[in-house]
């Protein structure tokens, strides 16, 4: 599977969308970027697609009903619970920010992810 790379413009936009808050960090992931709160990913890039993780069914249904949204991640294995936001929204950063905020709020309520220890072979 070929993993697409985001443009510098989309990476800059993504970083600008992620709020500065306690427990929030942006990290590289497979040539893309992920936004995490307490170790749980709430938003990410897959190529030039910006995706958010939405936990409640009402928000997921609302977002999925918008033209231009779709599965997030590789087409042969999209990430469950994540929705790719419409590329047309890039001209409306407030709309993108609103959904990133929803994802942060919902995922921020999950228990902090504990680091896994690597076993020696």
PDB file of N, CA and C in Angstrom:
ATOM      1  N   UNK A   1       0.847  -1.173   0.000  1.00  0.00           N
ATOM      2  CA  UNK A   1       0.000   0.000   0.000  1.00  0.00           C
ATOM      3  C   UNK A   1       0.895   1.240   0.000  1.00  0.00           C
ATOM      4  N   UNK A   2       0.619   2.143  -0.904  1.00  0.00           N
ATOM      5  CA  UNK A   2       1.334   3.413  -1.009  1.00  0.00           C
ATOM      6  C   UNK A   2       0.640   4.434  -0.107  1.00  0.00           C
ATOM      7  N   UNK A   3       1.377   5.025   0.822  1.00  0.00           N
ATOM      8  CA  UNK A   3       0.807   6.029   1.713  1.00  0.00           C
ATOM      9  C   UNK A   3       1.069   7.407   1.109  1.00  0.00           C
ATOM     10  N   UNK A   4      -0.008   8.159   0.811  1.00  0.00           N
ATOM     11  CA  UNK A   4       0.181   9.478   0.214  1.00  0.00           C
ATOM     12  C   UNK A   4       0.776  10.463   1.224  1.00  0.00           C
ATOM     13  N   UNK A   5       1.503  11.420   0.735  1.00  0.00           N
ATOM     14  CA  UNK A   5       2.117  12.446   1.573  1.00  0.00           C
ATOM     15  C   UNK A   5       1.326  13.752   1.434  1.00  0.00           C
ATOM     16  N   UNK A   6       1.161  14.475   2.522  1.00  0.00           N
ATOM     17  CA  UNK A   6       0.452  15.757   2.433  1.00  0.00           C
ATOM     18  C   UNK A   6       1.357  16.853   1.888  1.00  0.00           C
ATOM     19  N   UNK A   7       0.739  17.851   1.303  1.00  0.00           N
ATOM     20  CA  UNK A   7       1.489  19.020   0.849  1.00  0.00           C
ATOM     21  C   UNK A   7       1.881  19.860   2.067  1.00  0.00           C
ATOM     22  N   UNK A   8       2.879  20.703   1.912  1.00  0.00           N
ATOM     23  CA  UNK A   8       3.297  21.584   3.009  1.00  0.00           C
ATOM     24  C   UNK A   8       2.159  22.528   3.387  1.00  0.00           C
ATOM     25  N   UNK A   9       1.389  22.957   2.391  1.00  0.00           N
ATOM     26  CA  UNK A   9       0.256  23.849   2.641  1.00  0.00           C
ATOM     27  C   UNK A   9      -0.770  23.178   3.561  1.00  0.00           C
ATOM     28  N   UNK A  10      -1.085  21.907   3.305  1.00  0.00           N
ATOM     29  CA  UNK A  10      -2.068  21.196   4.131  1.00  0.00           C
ATOM     30  C   UNK A  10      -1.497  20.924   5.524  1.00  0.00           C
ATOM     31  N   UNK A  11      -0.206  20.622   5.608  1.00  0.00           N
ATOM     32  CA  UNK A  11       0.406  20.423   6.930  1.00  0.00           C
ATOM     33  C   UNK A  11       0.329  21.706   7.752  1.00  0.00           C
ATOM     34  N   UNK A  12       0.600  22.837   7.134  1.00  0.00           N
ATOM     35  CA  UNK A  12       0.510  24.119   7.843  1.00  0.00           C
ATOM     36  C   UNK A  12      -0.924  24.401   8.292  1.00  0.00           C
ATOM     37  N   UNK A  13      -1.887  24.140   7.404  1.00  0.00           N
ATOM     38  CA  UNK A  13      -3.298  24.325   7.755  1.00  0.00           C
ATOM     39  C   UNK A  13      -3.668  23.432   8.931  1.00  0.00           C
ATOM     40  N   UNK A  14      -3.262  22.173   8.881  1.00  0.00           N
ATOM     41  CA  UNK A  14      -3.584  21.222   9.946  1.00  0.00           C
ATOM     42  C   UNK A  14      -3.026  21.702  11.285  1.00  0.00           C
ATOM     43  N   UNK A  15      -1.763  22.109  11.289  1.00  0.00           N
ATOM     44  CA  UNK A  15      -1.151  22.593  12.538  1.00  0.00           C
ATOM     45  C   UNK A  15      -1.912  23.805  13.076  1.00  0.00           C
ATOM     46  N   UNK A  16      -2.388  24.662  12.192  1.00  0.00           N
ATOM     47  CA  UNK A  16      -3.135  25.849  12.611  1.00  0.00           C
ATOM     48  C   UNK A  16      -4.507  25.487  13.180  1.00  0.00           C
ATOM     49  N   UNK A  17      -5.079  24.374  12.737  1.00  0.00           N
ATOM     50  CA  UNK A  17      -6.395  23.946  13.209  1.00  0.00           C
ATOM     51  C   UNK A  17      -6.353  23.322  14.594  1.00  0.00           C
ATOM     52  N   UNK A  18      -5.220  22.725  14.951  1.00  0.00           N
ATOM     53  CA  UNK A  18      -5.109  22.011  16.225  1.00  0.00           C
ATOM     54  C   UNK A  18      -4.875  23.027  17.340  1.00  0.00           C
ATOM     55  N   UNK A  19      -5.806  23.078  18.304  1.00  0.00           N
ATOM     56  CA  UNK A  19      -5.661  24.065  19.375  1.00  0.00           C
ATOM     57  C   UNK A  19      -4.482  23.755  20.297  1.00  0.00           C
ATOM     58  N   UNK A  20      -3.920  24.801  20.854  1.00  0.00           N
ATOM     59  CA  UNK A  20      -2.884  24.643  21.876  1.00  0.00           C
ATOM     60  C   UNK A  20      -3.629  24.438  23.191  1.00  0.00           C
ATOM     61  N   UNK A  21      -3.500  23.246  23.757  1.00  0.00           N
ATOM     62  CA  UNK A  21      -4.204  22.915  24.999  1.00  0.00           C
ATOM     63  C   UNK A  21      -3.415  21.847  25.741  1.00  0.00           C
ATOM     64  N   UNK A  22      -3.708  21.716  27.009  1.00  0.00           N
ATOM     65  CA  UNK A  22      -3.032  20.712  27.833  1.00  0.00           C
ATOM     66  C   UNK A  22      -3.274  19.312  27.264  1.00  0.00           C
ATOM     67  N   UNK A  23      -2.220  18.550  27.156  1.00  0.00           N
ATOM     68  CA  UNK A  23      -2.320  17.176  26.687  1.00  0.00           C
ATOM     69  C   UNK A  23      -2.407  17.015  25.183  1.00  0.00           C
ATOM     70  N   UNK A  24      -2.430  18.129  24.426  1.00  0.00           N
ATOM     71  CA  UNK A  24      -2.566  18.062  22.969  1.00  0.00           C
ATOM     72  C   UNK A  24      -1.194  18.193  22.324  1.00  0.00           C
ATOM     73  N   UNK A  25      -0.918  17.302  21.378  1.00  0.00           N
ATOM     74  CA  UNK A  25       0.324  17.397  20.617  1.00  0.00           C
ATOM     75  C   UNK A  25       0.118  16.894  19.201  1.00  0.00           C
ATOM     76  N   UNK A  26       0.907  17.437  18.286  1.00  0.00           N
ATOM     77  CA  UNK A  26       0.909  17.007  16.890  1.00  0.00           C
ATOM     78  C   UNK A  26       2.191  16.227  16.671  1.00  0.00           C
ATOM     79  N   UNK A  27       2.045  15.008  16.114  1.00  0.00           N
ATOM     80  CA  UNK A  27       3.204  14.149  15.891  1.00  0.00           C
ATOM     81  C   UNK A  27       3.185  13.608  14.461  1.00  0.00           C
ATOM     82  N   UNK A  28       4.383  13.357  13.915  1.00  0.00           N
ATOM     83  CA  UNK A  28       4.439  12.727  12.588  1.00  0.00           C
ATOM     84  C   UNK A  28       3.996  11.266  12.672  1.00  0.00           C
ATOM     85  N   UNK A  29       3.299  10.836  11.625  1.00  0.00           N
ATOM     86  CA  UNK A  29       2.833   9.449  11.535  1.00  0.00           C
ATOM     87  C   UNK A  29       2.926   8.985  10.087  1.00  0.00           C
ATOM     88  N   UNK A  30       3.847   8.112   9.794  1.00  0.00           N
ATOM     89  CA  UNK A  30       3.957   7.515   8.463  1.00  0.00           C
ATOM     90  C   UNK A  30       4.007   8.563   7.358  1.00  0.00           C
ATOM     91  N   UNK A  31       4.744   9.641   7.576  1.00  0.00           N
ATOM     92  CA  UNK A  31       4.858  10.710   6.593  1.00  0.00           C
ATOM     93  C   UNK A  31       3.722  11.700   6.630  1.00  0.00           C
ATOM     94  N   UNK A  32       2.757  11.499   7.500  1.00  0.00           N
ATOM     95  CA  UNK A  32       1.621  12.392   7.672  1.00  0.00           C
ATOM     96  C   UNK A  32       1.701  13.004   9.072  1.00  0.00           C
ATOM     97  N   UNK A  33       0.630  13.602   9.551  1.00  0.00           N
ATOM     98  CA  UNK A  33       0.588  14.161  10.891  1.00  0.00           C
ATOM     99  C   UNK A  33      -0.646  13.658  11.617  1.00  0.00           C
ATOM    100  N   UNK A  34      -0.522  13.492  12.933  1.00  0.00           N
ATOM    101  CA  UNK A  34      -1.652  13.147  13.777  1.00  0.00           C
ATOM    102  C   UNK A  34      -1.717  14.112  14.943  1.00  0.00           C
ATOM    103  N   UNK A  35      -2.931  14.447  15.380  1.00  0.00           N
ATOM    104  CA  UNK A  35      -3.133  15.291  16.555  1.00  0.00           C
ATOM    105  C   UNK A  35      -3.680  14.395  17.662  1.00  0.00           C
ATOM    106  N   UNK A  36      -3.033  14.455  18.812  1.00  0.00           N
ATOM    107  CA  UNK A  36      -3.351  13.569  19.924  1.00  0.00           C
ATOM    108  C   UNK A  36      -3.703  14.372  21.165  1.00  0.00           C
ATOM    109  N   UNK A  37      -4.615  13.824  21.955  1.00  0.00           N
ATOM    110  CA  UNK A  37      -4.912  14.370  23.274  1.00  0.00           C
ATOM    111  C   UNK A  37      -4.759  13.215  24.259  1.00  0.00           C
ATOM    112  N   UNK A  38      -3.892  13.397  25.222  1.00  0.00           N
ATOM    113  CA  UNK A  38      -3.602  12.364  26.214  1.00  0.00           C
ATOM    114  C   UNK A  38      -3.281  11.017  25.566  1.00  0.00           C
ATOM    115  N   UNK A  39      -2.593  11.069  24.432  1.00  0.00           N
ATOM    116  CA  UNK A  39      -2.162   9.860  23.742  1.00  0.00           C
ATOM    117  C   UNK A  39      -3.164   9.267  22.765  1.00  0.00           C
ATOM    118  N   UNK A  40      -4.374   9.812  22.694  1.00  0.00           N
ATOM    119  CA  UNK A  40      -5.412   9.323  21.779  1.00  0.00           C
ATOM    120  C   UNK A  40      -5.534  10.267  20.587  1.00  0.00           C
ATOM    121  N   UNK A  41      -5.495   9.704  19.381  1.00  0.00           N
ATOM    122  CA  UNK A  41      -5.584  10.529  18.178  1.00  0.00           C
ATOM    123  C   UNK A  41      -7.011  11.032  17.988  1.00  0.00           C
ATOM    124  N   UNK A  42      -7.151  12.348  17.733  1.00  0.00           N
ATOM    125  CA  UNK A  42      -8.473  12.918  17.476  1.00  0.00           C
ATOM    126  C   UNK A  42      -8.582  13.523  16.084  1.00  0.00           C
ATOM    127  N   UNK A  43      -7.466  13.755  15.422  1.00  0.00           N
ATOM    128  CA  UNK A  43      -7.479  14.289  14.059  1.00  0.00           C
ATOM    129  C   UNK A  43      -6.180  13.891  13.380  1.00  0.00           C
ATOM    130  N   UNK A  44      -6.212  13.860  12.058  1.00  0.00           N
ATOM    131  CA  UNK A  44      -4.999  13.489  11.350  1.00  0.00           C
ATOM    132  C   UNK A  44      -5.055  13.856   9.879  1.00  0.00           C
ATOM    133  N   UNK A  45      -3.904  13.658   9.257  1.00  0.00           N
ATOM    134  CA  UNK A  45      -3.775  13.831   7.811  1.00  0.00           C
ATOM    135  C   UNK A  45      -3.512  12.472   7.189  1.00  0.00           C
ATOM    136  N   UNK A  46      -4.090  12.254   6.032  1.00  0.00           N
ATOM    137  CA  UNK A  46      -3.769  11.115   5.180  1.00  0.00           C
ATOM    138  C   UNK A  46      -3.665  11.701   3.783  1.00  0.00           C
ATOM    139  N   UNK A  47      -2.432  11.961   3.368  1.00  0.00           N
ATOM    140  CA  UNK A  47      -2.245  12.728   2.148  1.00  0.00           C
ATOM    141  C   UNK A  47      -2.777  14.125   2.395  1.00  0.00           C
ATOM    142  N   UNK A  48      -3.583  14.625   1.491  1.00  0.00           N
ATOM    143  CA  UNK A  48      -4.165  15.956   1.665  1.00  0.00           C
ATOM    144  C   UNK A  48      -5.541  15.924   2.318  1.00  0.00           C
ATOM    145  N   UNK A  49      -5.969  14.758   2.803  1.00  0.00           N
ATOM    146  CA  UNK A  49      -7.243  14.654   3.515  1.00  0.00           C
ATOM    147  C   UNK A  49      -7.038  14.944   4.992  1.00  0.00           C
ATOM    148  N   UNK A  50      -7.923  15.768   5.552  1.00  0.00           N
ATOM    149  CA  UNK A  50      -7.953  16.033   6.987  1.00  0.00           C
ATOM    150  C   UNK A  50      -9.111  15.217   7.549  1.00  0.00           C
ATOM    151  N   UNK A  51      -8.812  14.401   8.548  1.00  0.00           N
ATOM    152  CA  UNK A  51      -9.844  13.566   9.148  1.00  0.00           C
ATOM    153  C   UNK A  51      -9.960  13.811  10.633  1.00  0.00           C
ATOM    154  N   UNK A  52     -11.160  13.582  11.165  1.00  0.00           N
ATOM    155  CA  UNK A  52     -11.413  13.717  12.591  1.00  0.00           C
ATOM    156  C   UNK A  52     -12.080  12.450  13.116  1.00  0.00           C
ATOM    157  N   UNK A  53     -11.846  12.182  14.388  1.00  0.00           N
ATOM    158  CA  UNK A  53     -12.479  11.041  15.054  1.00  0.00           C
ATOM    159  C   UNK A  53     -13.689  11.559  15.808  1.00  0.00           C
ATOM    160  N   UNK A  54     -14.842  11.009  15.472  1.00  0.00           N
ATOM    161  CA  UNK A  54     -16.091  11.422  16.100  1.00  0.00           C
ATOM    162  C   UNK A  54     -16.660  10.216  16.839  1.00  0.00           C
ATOM    163  N   UNK A  55     -16.942  10.389  18.125  1.00  0.00           N
ATOM    164  CA  UNK A  55     -17.344   9.244  18.947  1.00  0.00           C
ATOM    165  C   UNK A  55     -18.847   9.071  19.079  1.00  0.00           C
ATOM    166  N   UNK A  56     -19.612  10.160  19.134  1.00  0.00           N
ATOM    167  CA  UNK A  56     -21.047   9.959  19.336  1.00  0.00           C
ATOM    168  C   UNK A  56     -21.767   9.830  17.999  1.00  0.00           C
ATOM    169  N   UNK A  57     -22.778   8.993  17.998  1.00  0.00           N
ATOM    170  CA  UNK A  57     -23.495   8.648  16.762  1.00  0.00           C
ATOM    171  C   UNK A  57     -24.174   9.856  16.119  1.00  0.00           C
ATOM    172  N   UNK A  58     -24.705  10.772  16.928  1.00  0.00           N
ATOM    173  CA  UNK A  58     -25.393  11.941  16.373  1.00  0.00           C
ATOM    174  C   UNK A  58     -24.413  12.818  15.591  1.00  0.00           C
ATOM    175  N   UNK A  59     -23.232  13.080  16.175  1.00  0.00           N
ATOM    176  CA  UNK A  59     -22.228  13.893  15.474  1.00  0.00           C
ATOM    177  C   UNK A  59     -21.729  13.174  14.229  1.00  0.00           C
ATOM    178  N   UNK A  60     -21.531  11.879  14.336  1.00  0.00           N
ATOM    179  CA  UNK A  60     -21.058  11.099  13.197  1.00  0.00           C
ATOM    180  C   UNK A  60     -22.069  11.145  12.054  1.00  0.00           C
ATOM    181  N   UNK A  61     -23.358  10.991  12.376  1.00  0.00           N
ATOM    182  CA  UNK A  61     -24.402  11.040  11.351  1.00  0.00           C
ATOM    183  C   UNK A  61     -24.495  12.433  10.727  1.00  0.00           C
ATOM    184  N   UNK A  62     -24.390  13.476  11.561  1.00  0.00           N
ATOM    185  CA  UNK A  62     -24.440  14.844  11.049  1.00  0.00           C
ATOM    186  C   UNK A  62     -23.297  15.101  10.076  1.00  0.00           C
ATOM    187  N   UNK A  63     -22.109  14.707  10.470  1.00  0.00           N
ATOM    188  CA  UNK A  63     -20.943  14.938   9.625  1.00  0.00           C
ATOM    189  C   UNK A  63     -20.993  14.088   8.358  1.00  0.00           C
ATOM    190  N   UNK A  64     -21.399  12.837   8.484  1.00  0.00           N
ATOM    191  CA  UNK A  64     -21.441  11.938   7.332  1.00  0.00           C
ATOM    192  C   UNK A  64     -22.471  12.377   6.286  1.00  0.00           C
ATOM    193  N   UNK A  65     -23.453  13.177   6.701  1.00  0.00           N
ATOM    194  CA  UNK A  65     -24.491  13.623   5.761  1.00  0.00           C
ATOM    195  C   UNK A  65     -24.042  14.808   4.902  1.00  0.00           C
ATOM    196  N   UNK A  66     -22.875  15.367   5.189  1.00  0.00           N
ATOM    197  CA  UNK A  66     -22.371  16.529   4.455  1.00  0.00           C
ATOM    198  C   UNK A  66     -21.690  16.059   3.165  1.00  0.00           C
ATOM    199  N   UNK A  67     -22.050  16.705   2.041  1.00  0.00           N
ATOM    200  CA  UNK A  67     -21.403  16.384   0.771  1.00  0.00           C
ATOM    201  C   UNK A  67     -19.899  16.619   0.876  1.00  0.00           C
ATOM    202  N   UNK A  68     -19.131  15.666   0.394  1.00  0.00           N
ATOM    203  CA  UNK A  68     -17.681  15.798   0.388  1.00  0.00           C
ATOM    204  C   UNK A  68     -16.984  15.076   1.527  1.00  0.00           C
ATOM    205  N   UNK A  69     -17.748  14.637   2.544  1.00  0.00           N
ATOM    206  CA  UNK A  69     -17.124  13.838   3.596  1.00  0.00           C
ATOM    207  C   UNK A  69     -17.002  12.407   3.091  1.00  0.00           C
ATOM    208  N   UNK A  70     -16.167  11.643   3.743  1.00  0.00           N
ATOM    209  CA  UNK A  70     -16.005  10.256   3.344  1.00  0.00           C
ATOM    210  C   UNK A  70     -15.120   9.513   4.306  1.00  0.00           C
ATOM    211  N   UNK A  71     -14.775   8.289   3.955  1.00  0.00           N
ATOM    212  CA  UNK A  71     -13.900   7.509   4.813  1.00  0.00           C
ATOM    213  C   UNK A  71     -12.512   8.147   4.890  1.00  0.00           C
ATOM    214  N   UNK A  72     -11.851   7.937   6.008  1.00  0.00           N
ATOM    215  CA  UNK A  72     -10.526   8.503   6.229  1.00  0.00           C
ATOM    216  C   UNK A  72      -9.502   7.381   6.302  1.00  0.00           C
ATOM    217  N   UNK A  73      -8.437   7.526   5.562  1.00  0.00           N
ATOM    218  CA  UNK A  73      -7.374   6.522   5.555  1.00  0.00           C
ATOM    219  C   UNK A  73      -7.338   5.797   4.227  1.00  0.00           C
ATOM    220  N   UNK A  74      -6.605   4.694   4.197  1.00  0.00           N
ATOM    221  CA  UNK A  74      -6.485   3.943   2.941  1.00  0.00           C
ATOM    222  C   UNK A  74      -7.846   3.435   2.468  1.00  0.00           C
ATOM    223  N   UNK A  75      -8.100   3.520   1.182  1.00  0.00           N
ATOM    224  CA  UNK A  75      -9.402   3.103   0.653  1.00  0.00           C
ATOM    225  C   UNK A  75      -9.690   1.631   0.933  1.00  0.00           C
ATOM    226  N   UNK A  76      -8.640   0.811   0.937  1.00  0.00           N
ATOM    227  CA  UNK A  76      -8.868  -0.614   1.193  1.00  0.00           C
ATOM    228  C   UNK A  76      -9.037  -0.934   2.674  1.00  0.00           C
ATOM    229  N   UNK A  77      -8.727   0.049   3.543  1.00  0.00           N
ATOM    230  CA  UNK A  77      -8.868  -0.183   4.984  1.00  0.00           C
ATOM    231  C   UNK A  77      -9.004   1.151   5.724  1.00  0.00           C
ATOM    232  N   UNK A  78     -10.163   1.838   5.549  1.00  0.00           N
ATOM    233  CA  UNK A  78     -10.351   3.126   6.209  1.00  0.00           C
ATOM    234  C   UNK A  78     -10.385   2.970   7.736  1.00  0.00           C
ATOM    235  N   UNK A  79     -10.055   4.047   8.415  1.00  0.00           N
ATOM    236  CA  UNK A  79     -10.006   4.036   9.876  1.00  0.00           C
ATOM    237  C   UNK A  79     -11.415   4.199  10.437  1.00  0.00           C
ATOM    238  N   UNK A  80     -11.856   3.237  11.225  1.00  0.00           N
ATOM    239  CA  UNK A  80     -13.179   3.282  11.833  1.00  0.00           C
ATOM    240  C   UNK A  80     -13.308   4.454  12.793  1.00  0.00           C
ATOM    241  N   UNK A  81     -14.465   5.119  12.747  1.00  0.00           N
ATOM    242  CA  UNK A  81     -14.723   6.232  13.641  1.00  0.00           C
ATOM    243  C   UNK A  81     -14.159   7.559  13.159  1.00  0.00           C
ATOM    244  N   UNK A  82     -13.404   7.543  12.060  1.00  0.00           N
ATOM    245  CA  UNK A  82     -12.820   8.769  11.513  1.00  0.00           C
ATOM    246  C   UNK A  82     -13.547   9.139  10.231  1.00  0.00           C
ATOM    247  N   UNK A  83     -13.686  10.436  10.000  1.00  0.00           N
ATOM    248  CA  UNK A  83     -14.343  10.944   8.799  1.00  0.00           C
ATOM    249  C   UNK A  83     -13.421  11.968   8.154  1.00  0.00           C
ATOM    250  N   UNK A  84     -13.219  11.839   6.850  1.00  0.00           N
ATOM    251  CA  UNK A  84     -12.457  12.844   6.096  1.00  0.00           C
ATOM    252  C   UNK A  84     -13.366  14.041   5.852  1.00  0.00           C
ATOM    253  N   UNK A  85     -12.870  15.214   6.200  1.00  0.00           N
ATOM    254  CA  UNK A  85     -13.640  16.444   6.011  1.00  0.00           C
ATOM    255  C   UNK A  85     -13.551  16.892   4.556  1.00  0.00           C
ATOM    256  N   UNK A  86     -14.584  17.572   4.061  1.00  0.00           N
ATOM    257  CA  UNK A  86     -14.573  18.007   2.657  1.00  0.00           C
ATOM    258  C   UNK A  86     -13.410  18.948   2.357  1.00  0.00           C
ATOM    259  N   UNK A  87     -12.763  18.713   1.236  1.00  0.00           N
ATOM    260  CA  UNK A  87     -11.655  19.598   0.825  1.00  0.00           C
ATOM    261  C   UNK A  87     -12.151  21.006   0.528  1.00  0.00           C
ATOM    262  N   UNK A  88     -13.422  21.151   0.171  1.00  0.00           N
ATOM    263  CA  UNK A  88     -13.976  22.473  -0.111  1.00  0.00           C
ATOM    264  C   UNK A  88     -14.009  23.346   1.144  1.00  0.00           C
ATOM    265  N   UNK A  89     -13.952  22.755   2.321  1.00  0.00           N
ATOM    266  CA  UNK A  89     -13.982  23.511   3.575  1.00  0.00           C
ATOM    267  C   UNK A  89     -12.671  24.250   3.829  1.00  0.00           C
ATOM    268  N   UNK A  90     -11.652  23.988   3.061  1.00  0.00           N
ATOM    269  CA  UNK A  90     -10.366  24.658   3.304  1.00  0.00           C
ATOM    270  C   UNK A  90     -10.475  26.161   3.132  1.00  0.00           C
ATOM    271  N   UNK A  91     -11.475  26.599   2.375  1.00  0.00           N
ATOM    272  CA  UNK A  91     -11.702  28.037   2.233  1.00  0.00           C
ATOM    273  C   UNK A  91     -12.488  28.584   3.427  1.00  0.00           C
ATOM    274  N   UNK A  92     -12.896  27.706   4.344  1.00  0.00           N
ATOM    275  CA  UNK A  92     -13.655  28.095   5.536  1.00  0.00           C
ATOM    276  C   UNK A  92     -13.012  27.443   6.770  1.00  0.00           C
ATOM    277  N   UNK A  93     -11.843  27.961   7.198  1.00  0.00           N
ATOM    278  CA  UNK A  93     -11.131  27.346   8.325  1.00  0.00           C
ATOM    279  C   UNK A  93     -11.949  27.272   9.611  1.00  0.00           C
ATOM    280  N   UNK A  94     -12.932  28.186   9.773  1.00  0.00           N
ATOM    281  CA  UNK A  94     -13.764  28.141  10.979  1.00  0.00           C
ATOM    282  C   UNK A  94     -14.580  26.845  11.028  1.00  0.00           C
ATOM    283  N   UNK A  95     -15.045  26.421   9.876  1.00  0.00           N
ATOM    284  CA  UNK A  95     -15.825  25.172   9.812  1.00  0.00           C
ATOM    285  C   UNK A  95     -14.935  23.971  10.124  1.00  0.00           C
ATOM    286  N   UNK A  96     -13.725  23.965   9.580  1.00  0.00           N
ATOM    287  CA  UNK A  96     -12.770  22.907   9.901  1.00  0.00           C
ATOM    288  C   UNK A  96     -12.444  22.915  11.392  1.00  0.00           C
ATOM    289  N   UNK A  97     -12.163  24.095  11.928  1.00  0.00           N
ATOM    290  CA  UNK A  97     -11.816  24.223  13.346  1.00  0.00           C
ATOM    291  C   UNK A  97     -12.940  23.727  14.248  1.00  0.00           C
ATOM    292  N   UNK A  98     -14.169  23.991  13.847  1.00  0.00           N
ATOM    293  CA  UNK A  98     -15.310  23.564  14.663  1.00  0.00           C
ATOM    294  C   UNK A  98     -15.338  22.045  14.807  1.00  0.00           C
ATOM    295  N   UNK A  99     -15.089  21.312  13.703  1.00  0.00           N
ATOM    296  CA  UNK A  99     -15.121  19.854  13.787  1.00  0.00           C
ATOM    297  C   UNK A  99     -13.881  19.294  14.469  1.00  0.00           C
ATOM    298  N   UNK A 100     -12.738  19.960  14.324  1.00  0.00           N
ATOM    299  CA  UNK A 100     -11.546  19.539  15.067  1.00  0.00           C
ATOM    300  C   UNK A 100     -11.812  19.719  16.560  1.00  0.00           C
ATOM    301  N   UNK A 101     -12.499  20.799  16.935  1.00  0.00           N
ATOM    302  CA  UNK A 101     -12.845  21.039  18.336  1.00  0.00           C
ATOM    303  C   UNK A 101     -13.805  19.979  18.868  1.00  0.00           C
ATOM    304  N   UNK A 102     -14.786  19.577  18.058  1.00  0.00           N
ATOM    305  CA  UNK A 102     -15.716  18.510  18.462  1.00  0.00           C
ATOM    306  C   UNK A 102     -14.930  17.220  18.715  1.00  0.00           C
ATOM    307  N   UNK A 103     -14.031  16.895  17.796  1.00  0.00           N
ATOM    308  CA  UNK A 103     -13.225  15.675  17.945  1.00  0.00           C
ATOM    309  C   UNK A 103     -12.360  15.749  19.195  1.00  0.00           C
ATOM    310  N   UNK A 104     -11.729  16.887  19.430  1.00  0.00           N
ATOM    311  CA  UNK A 104     -10.888  17.053  20.611  1.00  0.00           C
ATOM    312  C   UNK A 104     -11.707  16.891  21.884  1.00  0.00           C
ATOM    313  N   UNK A 105     -12.865  17.510  21.925  1.00  0.00           N
ATOM    314  CA  UNK A 105     -13.720  17.409  23.109  1.00  0.00           C
ATOM    315  C   UNK A 105     -14.133  15.961  23.380  1.00  0.00           C
ATOM    316  N   UNK A 106     -14.576  15.263  22.338  1.00  0.00           N
ATOM    317  CA  UNK A 106     -15.051  13.893  22.525  1.00  0.00           C
ATOM    318  C   UNK A 106     -13.911  12.941  22.872  1.00  0.00           C
ATOM    319  N   UNK A 107     -12.824  12.993  22.122  1.00  0.00           N
ATOM    320  CA  UNK A 107     -11.701  12.085  22.356  1.00  0.00           C
ATOM    321  C   UNK A 107     -10.991  12.449  23.662  1.00  0.00           C
ATOM    322  N   UNK A 108     -11.028  13.725  24.038  1.00  0.00           N
ATOM    323  CA  UNK A 108     -10.422  14.159  25.289  1.00  0.00           C
ATOM    324  C   UNK A 108     -11.079  13.558  26.517  1.00  0.00           C
ATOM    325  N   UNK A 109     -12.279  13.027  26.365  1.00  0.00           N
ATOM    326  CA  UNK A 109     -12.973  12.391  27.490  1.00  0.00           C
ATOM    327  C   UNK A 109     -12.575  10.924  27.673  1.00  0.00           C
ATOM    328  N   UNK A 110     -11.840  10.377  26.716  1.00  0.00           N
ATOM    329  CA  UNK A 110     -11.373   8.995  26.846  1.00  0.00           C
ATOM    330  C   UNK A 110     -10.256   8.921  27.878  1.00  0.00           C
ATOM    331  N   UNK A 111     -10.074   7.756  28.493  1.00  0.00           N
ATOM    332  CA  UNK A 111      -8.941   7.619  29.416  1.00  0.00           C
ATOM    333  C   UNK A 111      -7.629   7.814  28.670  1.00  0.00           C
ATOM    334  N   UNK A 112      -6.647   8.360  29.359  1.00  0.00           N
ATOM    335  CA  UNK A 112      -5.332   8.563  28.750  1.00  0.00           C
ATOM    336  C   UNK A 112      -4.777   7.230  28.299  1.00  0.00           C
ATOM    337  N   UNK A 113      -4.164   7.226  27.133  1.00  0.00           N
ATOM    338  CA  UNK A 113      -3.579   6.012  26.590  1.00  0.00           C
ATOM    339  C   UNK A 113      -2.255   5.747  27.305  1.00  0.00           C
ATOM    340  N   UNK A 114      -2.099   4.535  27.753  1.00  0.00           N
ATOM    341  CA  UNK A 114      -0.876   4.155  28.438  1.00  0.00           C
ATOM    342  C   UNK A 114       0.143   3.669  27.422  1.00  0.00           C
ATOM    343  N   UNK A 115       1.397   4.101  27.579  1.00  0.00           N
ATOM    344  CA  UNK A 115       2.418   3.622  26.641  1.00  0.00           C
ATOM    345  C   UNK A 115       2.595   2.113  26.754  1.00  0.00           C
ATOM    346  N   UNK A 116       2.786   1.484  25.621  1.00  0.00           N
ATOM    347  CA  UNK A 116       3.008   0.042  25.630  1.00  0.00           C
ATOM    348  C   UNK A 116       4.486  -0.245  25.764  1.00  0.00           C
ATOM    349  N   UNK A 117       4.787  -1.275  26.503  1.00  0.00           N
ATOM    350  CA  UNK A 117       6.205  -1.664  26.631  1.00  0.00           C
ATOM    351  C   UNK A 117       6.540  -2.665  25.550  1.00  0.00           C
ATOM    352  N   UNK A 118       7.704  -2.528  24.995  1.00  0.00           N
ATOM    353  CA  UNK A 118       8.131  -3.437  23.934  1.00  0.00           C
ATOM    354  C   UNK A 118       8.851  -4.610  24.562  1.00  0.00           C
ATOM    355  N   UNK A 119       8.421  -5.793  24.157  1.00  0.00           N
ATOM    356  CA  UNK A 119       9.057  -7.002  24.657  1.00  0.00           C
ATOM    357  C   UNK A 119      10.279  -7.326  23.826  1.00  0.00           C
ATOM    358  N   UNK A 120      11.322  -7.775  24.476  1.00  0.00           N
ATOM    359  CA  UNK A 120      12.526  -8.174  23.761  1.00  0.00           C
ATOM    360  C   UNK A 120      12.336  -9.566  23.189  1.00  0.00           C
ATOM    361  N   UNK A 121      12.828  -9.752  21.991  1.00  0.00           N
ATOM    362  CA  UNK A 121      12.665 -11.043  21.304  1.00  0.00           C
ATOM    363  C   UNK A 121      13.575 -12.093  21.890  1.00  0.00           C
TER     364      UNK A 121
END
